[in-house]
Amino acid sequence: MRIKGQEQIAALIGVAPKTITEWQVFGFPVAVQGGPGVPSEYESPACIAWLVQRELSKIRSETPKDRLSRLQGDKIEQEMQRESGKLIPADEVEPMWESAVIAAREFLMGEPARIASLSIGLDKLAVEALLNTCFEAYLVKLSNWRAAMLEDDDEQNEASGADSDDMGPAA
């Protein structure tokens, strides 16, 4: 139903005509824009739908209290993941990963001489098989970086005479 004039649409919605003017700045729908001495026209279903959406967005928006609750929940979830070992802080992983990459690099750097001596007298297919085996060993070593670091820690503890059970949970 088309309604003429701000007073009429304001009366339908239950607000002051000045409120309609203010809402128009925020997107209140005007079917036909009026001018001096000519009232604007409004489609009541569109106006009511706009008002409902506006009120719903107020309800759905996150209040400071909602944000605090969400952040507290996120913090608790992160702590639980850390305790279960599913989340590891980057500052704990980075040195381990760096050591693993260096160890894998050293392993790979030592391979050319070994492969060269093993490949003497082999045909092309045998050399390819040897290289595939070496590359697979390298990739396995690199993929097992966390286990290798834990083994290194255990070896260091044994060398220093410390019992690995006294060291607490592994990262």
C-alpha atoms as a PDB file:
ATOM      1  CA  MET A   1       0.000   0.000   0.000  1.00  0.00           C
ATOM      2  CA  ARG A   2       1.421   3.349  -1.049  1.00  0.00           C
ATOM      3  CA  ILE A   3       1.337   6.082   1.577  1.00  0.00           C
ATOM      4  CA  LYS A   4       1.811   9.803   0.871  1.00  0.00           C
ATOM      5  CA  GLY A   5       3.699  12.032   3.289  1.00  0.00           C
ATOM      6  CA  GLN A   6       6.021  11.532   6.200  1.00  0.00           C
ATOM      7  CA  GLU A   7       3.237  12.174   8.688  1.00  0.00           C
ATOM      8  CA  GLN A   8       1.183   9.269   7.355  1.00  0.00           C
ATOM      9  CA  ILE A   9       4.054   6.712   7.305  1.00  0.00           C
ATOM     10  CA  ALA A  10       5.220   7.961  10.728  1.00  0.00           C
ATOM     11  CA  ALA A  11       1.705   7.432  12.132  1.00  0.00           C
ATOM     12  CA  LEU A  12       1.570   3.925  10.630  1.00  0.00           C
ATOM     13  CA  ILE A  13       4.904   2.950  12.206  1.00  0.00           C
ATOM     14  CA  GLY A  14       4.329   4.862  15.444  1.00  0.00           C
ATOM     15  CA  VAL A  15       7.167   7.376  15.316  1.00  0.00           C
ATOM     16  CA  ALA A  16       7.543  11.121  14.846  1.00  0.00           C
ATOM     17  CA  PRO A  17       7.780  12.481  11.272  1.00  0.00           C
ATOM     18  CA  LYS A  18      11.254  13.794  12.152  1.00  0.00           C
ATOM     19  CA  THR A  19      12.348  10.169  12.767  1.00  0.00           C
ATOM     20  CA  ILE A  20      11.357   9.268   9.189  1.00  0.00           C
ATOM     21  CA  THR A  21      13.591  12.072   7.913  1.00  0.00           C
ATOM     22  CA  GLU A  22      16.485  10.794  10.058  1.00  0.00           C
ATOM     23  CA  TRP A  23      15.939   7.190   8.939  1.00  0.00           C
ATOM     24  CA  GLN A  24      16.024   8.189   5.269  1.00  0.00           C
ATOM     25  CA  VAL A  25      19.710   9.017   5.750  1.00  0.00           C
ATOM     26  CA  PHE A  26      20.210   5.377   6.821  1.00  0.00           C
ATOM     27  CA  GLY A  27      18.277   3.883   3.905  1.00  0.00           C
ATOM     28  CA  PHE A  28      14.609   4.089   4.849  1.00  0.00           C
ATOM     29  CA  PRO A  29      12.894   3.316   1.524  1.00  0.00           C
ATOM     30  CA  VAL A  30      11.189   6.137  -0.352  1.00  0.00           C
ATOM     31  CA  ALA A  31       9.087   5.056  -3.347  1.00  0.00           C
ATOM     32  CA  VAL A  32       8.830   8.559  -4.818  1.00  0.00           C
ATOM     33  CA  GLN A  33      10.945  11.421  -3.510  1.00  0.00           C
ATOM     34  CA  GLY A  34       8.888  14.518  -2.901  1.00  0.00           C
ATOM     35  CA  GLY A  35       9.983  18.111  -3.074  1.00  0.00           C
ATOM     36  CA  PRO A  36       8.921  21.511  -1.763  1.00  0.00           C
ATOM     37  CA  GLY A  37       5.161  21.306  -1.283  1.00  0.00           C
ATOM     38  CA  VAL A  38       5.041  17.756  -2.720  1.00  0.00           C
ATOM     39  CA  PRO A  39       5.001  14.920  -0.168  1.00  0.00           C
ATOM     40  CA  SER A  40       7.205  11.867  -0.611  1.00  0.00           C
ATOM     41  CA  GLU A  41       5.505   8.531  -1.188  1.00  0.00           C
ATOM     42  CA  TYR A  42       6.280   5.306   0.681  1.00  0.00           C
ATOM     43  CA  GLU A  43       5.456   1.644   0.097  1.00  0.00           C
ATOM     44  CA  SER A  44       4.336   0.417   3.524  1.00  0.00           C
ATOM     45  CA  PRO A  45       5.527  -3.224   3.089  1.00  0.00           C
ATOM     46  CA  ALA A  46       9.032  -2.038   2.092  1.00  0.00           C
ATOM     47  CA  CYS A  47       9.141   0.408   5.013  1.00  0.00           C
ATOM     48  CA  ILE A  48       8.030  -2.215   7.516  1.00  0.00           C
ATOM     49  CA  ALA A  49      10.543  -4.733   6.127  1.00  0.00           C
ATOM     50  CA  TRP A  50      13.320  -2.114   6.453  1.00  0.00           C
ATOM     51  CA  LEU A  51      12.317  -1.409  10.051  1.00  0.00           C
ATOM     52  CA  VAL A  52      12.232  -5.130  10.922  1.00  0.00           C
ATOM     53  CA  GLN A  53      15.699  -5.627   9.407  1.00  0.00           C
ATOM     54  CA  ARG A  54      16.990  -2.613  11.331  1.00  0.00           C
ATOM     55  CA  GLU A  55      15.691  -3.973  14.620  1.00  0.00           C
ATOM     56  CA  LEU A  56      17.000  -7.483  13.889  1.00  0.00           C
ATOM     57  CA  SER A  57      20.465  -6.111  13.157  1.00  0.00           C
ATOM     58  CA  LYS A  58      20.447  -4.444  16.569  1.00  0.00           C
ATOM     59  CA  ILE A  59      19.723  -7.784  18.206  1.00  0.00           C
ATOM     60  CA  ARG A  60      22.261  -9.681  16.127  1.00  0.00           C
ATOM     61  CA  SER A  61      25.119  -7.234  16.552  1.00  0.00           C
ATOM     62  CA  GLU A  62      27.860  -8.207  18.979  1.00  0.00           C
ATOM     63  CA  THR A  63      27.837  -6.220  22.192  1.00  0.00           C
ATOM     64  CA  PRO A  64      31.036  -5.620  24.171  1.00  0.00           C
ATOM     65  CA  LYS A  65      29.833  -8.255  26.646  1.00  0.00           C
ATOM     66  CA  ASP A  66      29.234 -10.727  23.792  1.00  0.00           C
ATOM     67  CA  ARG A  67      32.716 -10.031  22.415  1.00  0.00           C
ATOM     68  CA  LEU A  68      34.298 -10.564  25.834  1.00  0.00           C
ATOM     69  CA  SER A  69      32.452 -13.863  26.260  1.00  0.00           C
ATOM     70  CA  ARG A  70      33.489 -14.999  22.769  1.00  0.00           C
ATOM     71  CA  LEU A  71      37.144 -14.085  23.395  1.00  0.00           C
ATOM     72  CA  GLN A  72      37.133 -15.849  26.776  1.00  0.00           C
ATOM     73  CA  GLY A  73      35.686 -18.941  25.104  1.00  0.00           C
ATOM     74  CA  ASP A  74      38.352 -18.778  22.382  1.00  0.00           C
ATOM     75  CA  LYS A  75      41.068 -18.525  25.036  1.00  0.00           C
ATOM     76  CA  ILE A  76      39.728 -21.536  26.923  1.00  0.00           C
ATOM     77  CA  GLU A  77      39.519 -23.518  23.670  1.00  0.00           C
ATOM     78  CA  GLN A  78      43.138 -22.644  22.805  1.00  0.00           C
ATOM     79  CA  GLU A  79      44.301 -23.664  26.278  1.00  0.00           C
ATOM     80  CA  MET A  80      42.495 -27.001  25.934  1.00  0.00           C
ATOM     81  CA  GLN A  81      44.074 -27.585  22.523  1.00  0.00           C
ATOM     82  CA  ARG A  82      47.510 -26.696  23.920  1.00  0.00           C
ATOM     83  CA  GLU A  83      47.051 -29.115  26.835  1.00  0.00           C
ATOM     84  CA  SER A  84      45.966 -31.910  24.483  1.00  0.00           C
ATOM     85  CA  GLY A  85      48.971 -31.283  22.213  1.00  0.00           C
ATOM     86  CA  LYS A  86      46.839 -30.223  19.247  1.00  0.00           C
ATOM     87  CA  LEU A  87      48.125 -26.647  19.390  1.00  0.00           C
ATOM     88  CA  ILE A  88      51.801 -25.869  19.824  1.00  0.00           C
ATOM     89  CA  PRO A  89      53.005 -22.277  20.174  1.00  0.00           C
ATOM     90  CA  ALA A  90      55.116 -21.149  17.215  1.00  0.00           C
ATOM     91  CA  ASP A  91      58.018 -20.144  19.447  1.00  0.00           C
ATOM     92  CA  GLU A  92      58.278 -23.792  20.570  1.00  0.00           C
ATOM     93  CA  VAL A  93      57.990 -25.268  17.077  1.00  0.00           C
ATOM     94  CA  GLU A  94      60.341 -22.903  15.241  1.00  0.00           C
ATOM     95  CA  PRO A  95      63.608 -23.960  16.941  1.00  0.00           C
ATOM     96  CA  MET A  96      62.669 -27.637  16.612  1.00  0.00           C
ATOM     97  CA  TRP A  97      61.793 -27.227  12.948  1.00  0.00           C
ATOM     98  CA  GLU A  98      64.984 -25.260  12.298  1.00  0.00           C
ATOM     99  CA  SER A  99      67.068 -28.016  13.899  1.00  0.00           C
ATOM    100  CA  ALA A 100      65.227 -30.675  11.910  1.00  0.00           C
ATOM    101  CA  VAL A 101      65.806 -28.845   8.636  1.00  0.00           C
ATOM    102  CA  ILE A 102      69.497 -28.405   9.449  1.00  0.00           C
ATOM    103  CA  ALA A 103      69.803 -32.114  10.310  1.00  0.00           C
ATOM    104  CA  ALA A 104      68.007 -33.086   7.103  1.00  0.00           C
ATOM    105  CA  ARG A 105      70.269 -30.727   5.127  1.00  0.00           C
ATOM    106  CA  GLU A 106      73.367 -32.290   6.664  1.00  0.00           C
ATOM    107  CA  PHE A 107      72.029 -35.746   5.842  1.00  0.00           C
ATOM    108  CA  LEU A 108      71.392 -34.716   2.245  1.00  0.00           C
ATOM    109  CA  MET A 109      74.778 -32.993   1.895  1.00  0.00           C
ATOM    110  CA  GLY A 110      76.512 -36.235   2.873  1.00  0.00           C
ATOM    111  CA  GLU A 111      74.643 -38.305   0.319  1.00  0.00           C
ATOM    112  CA  PRO A 112      76.396 -37.411  -2.999  1.00  0.00           C
ATOM    113  CA  ALA A 113      79.685 -39.141  -2.113  1.00  0.00           C
ATOM    114  CA  ARG A 114      77.880 -42.181  -0.699  1.00  0.00           C
ATOM    115  CA  ILE A 115      75.543 -42.420  -3.700  1.00  0.00           C
ATOM    116  CA  ALA A 116      78.438 -41.984  -6.124  1.00  0.00           C
ATOM    117  CA  SER A 117      80.349 -44.868  -4.578  1.00  0.00           C
ATOM    118  CA  LEU A 118      77.258 -47.074  -4.462  1.00  0.00           C
ATOM    119  CA  SER A 119      76.352 -46.349  -8.071  1.00  0.00           C
ATOM    120  CA  ILE A 120      79.690 -47.441  -9.601  1.00  0.00           C
ATOM    121  CA  GLY A 121      78.978 -50.095 -12.192  1.00  0.00           C
ATOM    122  CA  LEU A 122      75.162 -49.820 -11.921  1.00  0.00           C
ATOM    123  CA  ASP A 123      72.973 -49.341 -14.948  1.00  0.00           C
ATOM    124  CA  LYS A 124      70.647 -46.365 -15.313  1.00  0.00           C
ATOM    125  CA  LEU A 125      67.592 -48.098 -13.768  1.00  0.00           C
ATOM    126  CA  ALA A 126      69.601 -49.245 -10.737  1.00  0.00           C
ATOM    127  CA  VAL A 127      70.990 -45.709 -10.231  1.00  0.00           C
ATOM    128  CA  GLU A 128      67.451 -44.286 -10.426  1.00  0.00           C
ATOM    129  CA  ALA A 129      66.266 -46.857  -7.871  1.00  0.00           C
ATOM    130  CA  LEU A 130      69.175 -45.947  -5.595  1.00  0.00           C
ATOM    131  CA  LEU A 131      68.383 -42.230  -5.915  1.00  0.00           C
ATOM    132  CA  ASN A 132      64.684 -42.871  -5.232  1.00  0.00           C
ATOM    133  CA  THR A 133      65.597 -44.814  -2.087  1.00  0.00           C
ATOM    134  CA  CYS A 134      67.893 -41.995  -0.912  1.00  0.00           C
ATOM    135  CA  PHE A 135      65.318 -39.295  -1.623  1.00  0.00           C
ATOM    136  CA  GLU A 136      62.595 -41.260   0.164  1.00  0.00           C
ATOM    137  CA  ALA A 137      64.886 -41.658   3.185  1.00  0.00           C
ATOM    138  CA  TYR A 138      65.479 -37.900   3.135  1.00  0.00           C
ATOM    139  CA  LEU A 139      61.759 -37.108   2.966  1.00  0.00           C
ATOM    140  CA  VAL A 140      60.986 -39.593   5.758  1.00  0.00           C
ATOM    141  CA  LYS A 141      63.680 -37.973   7.905  1.00  0.00           C
ATOM    142  CA  LEU A 142      62.229 -34.543   7.214  1.00  0.00           C
ATOM    143  CA  SER A 143      58.627 -35.650   7.839  1.00  0.00           C
ATOM    144  CA  ASN A 144      59.555 -37.239  11.171  1.00  0.00           C
ATOM    145  CA  TRP A 145      61.142 -34.052  12.472  1.00  0.00           C
ATOM    146  CA  ARG A 146      59.147 -33.951  15.706  1.00  0.00           C
ATOM    147  CA  ALA A 147      59.910 -37.583  16.621  1.00  0.00           C
ATOM    148  CA  ALA A 148      63.585 -37.043  15.768  1.00  0.00           C
ATOM    149  CA  MET A 149      63.715 -34.000  18.034  1.00  0.00           C
ATOM    150  CA  LEU A 150      62.139 -35.963  20.893  1.00  0.00           C
ATOM    151  CA  GLU A 151      64.685 -38.771  20.379  1.00  0.00           C
ATOM    152  CA  ASP A 152      67.512 -36.208  20.411  1.00  0.00           C
ATOM    153  CA  ASP A 153      66.149 -34.813  23.687  1.00  0.00           C
ATOM    154  CA  ASP A 154      66.029 -38.334  25.183  1.00  0.00           C
ATOM    155  CA  GLU A 155      69.610 -39.024  24.065  1.00  0.00           C
ATOM    156  CA  GLN A 156      70.792 -35.740  25.552  1.00  0.00           C
ATOM    157  CA  ASN A 157      69.002 -36.517  28.815  1.00  0.00           C
ATOM    158  CA  GLU A 158      70.580 -39.976  28.964  1.00  0.00           C
ATOM    159  CA  ALA A 159      74.031 -38.525  28.231  1.00  0.00           C
ATOM    160  CA  SER A 160      73.623 -35.981  31.020  1.00  0.00           C
ATOM    161  CA  GLY A 161      72.332 -38.662  33.408  1.00  0.00           C
ATOM    162  CA  ALA A 162      68.836 -37.178  33.646  1.00  0.00           C
ATOM    163  CA  ASP A 163      65.822 -39.457  33.595  1.00  0.00           C
ATOM    164  CA  SER A 164      63.442 -38.548  30.759  1.00  0.00           C
ATOM    165  CA  ASP A 165      60.464 -39.042  33.092  1.00  0.00           C
ATOM    166  CA  ASP A 166      61.742 -36.160  35.226  1.00  0.00           C
ATOM    167  CA  MET A 167      61.651 -33.758  32.290  1.00  0.00           C
ATOM    168  CA  GLY A 168      57.854 -33.384  32.197  1.00  0.00           C
ATOM    169  CA  PRO A 169      55.635 -33.698  29.133  1.00  0.00           C
ATOM    170  CA  ALA A 170      57.236 -33.384  25.716  1.00  0.00           C
ATOM    171  CA  ALA A 171      56.182 -30.463  23.531  1.00  0.00           C
END
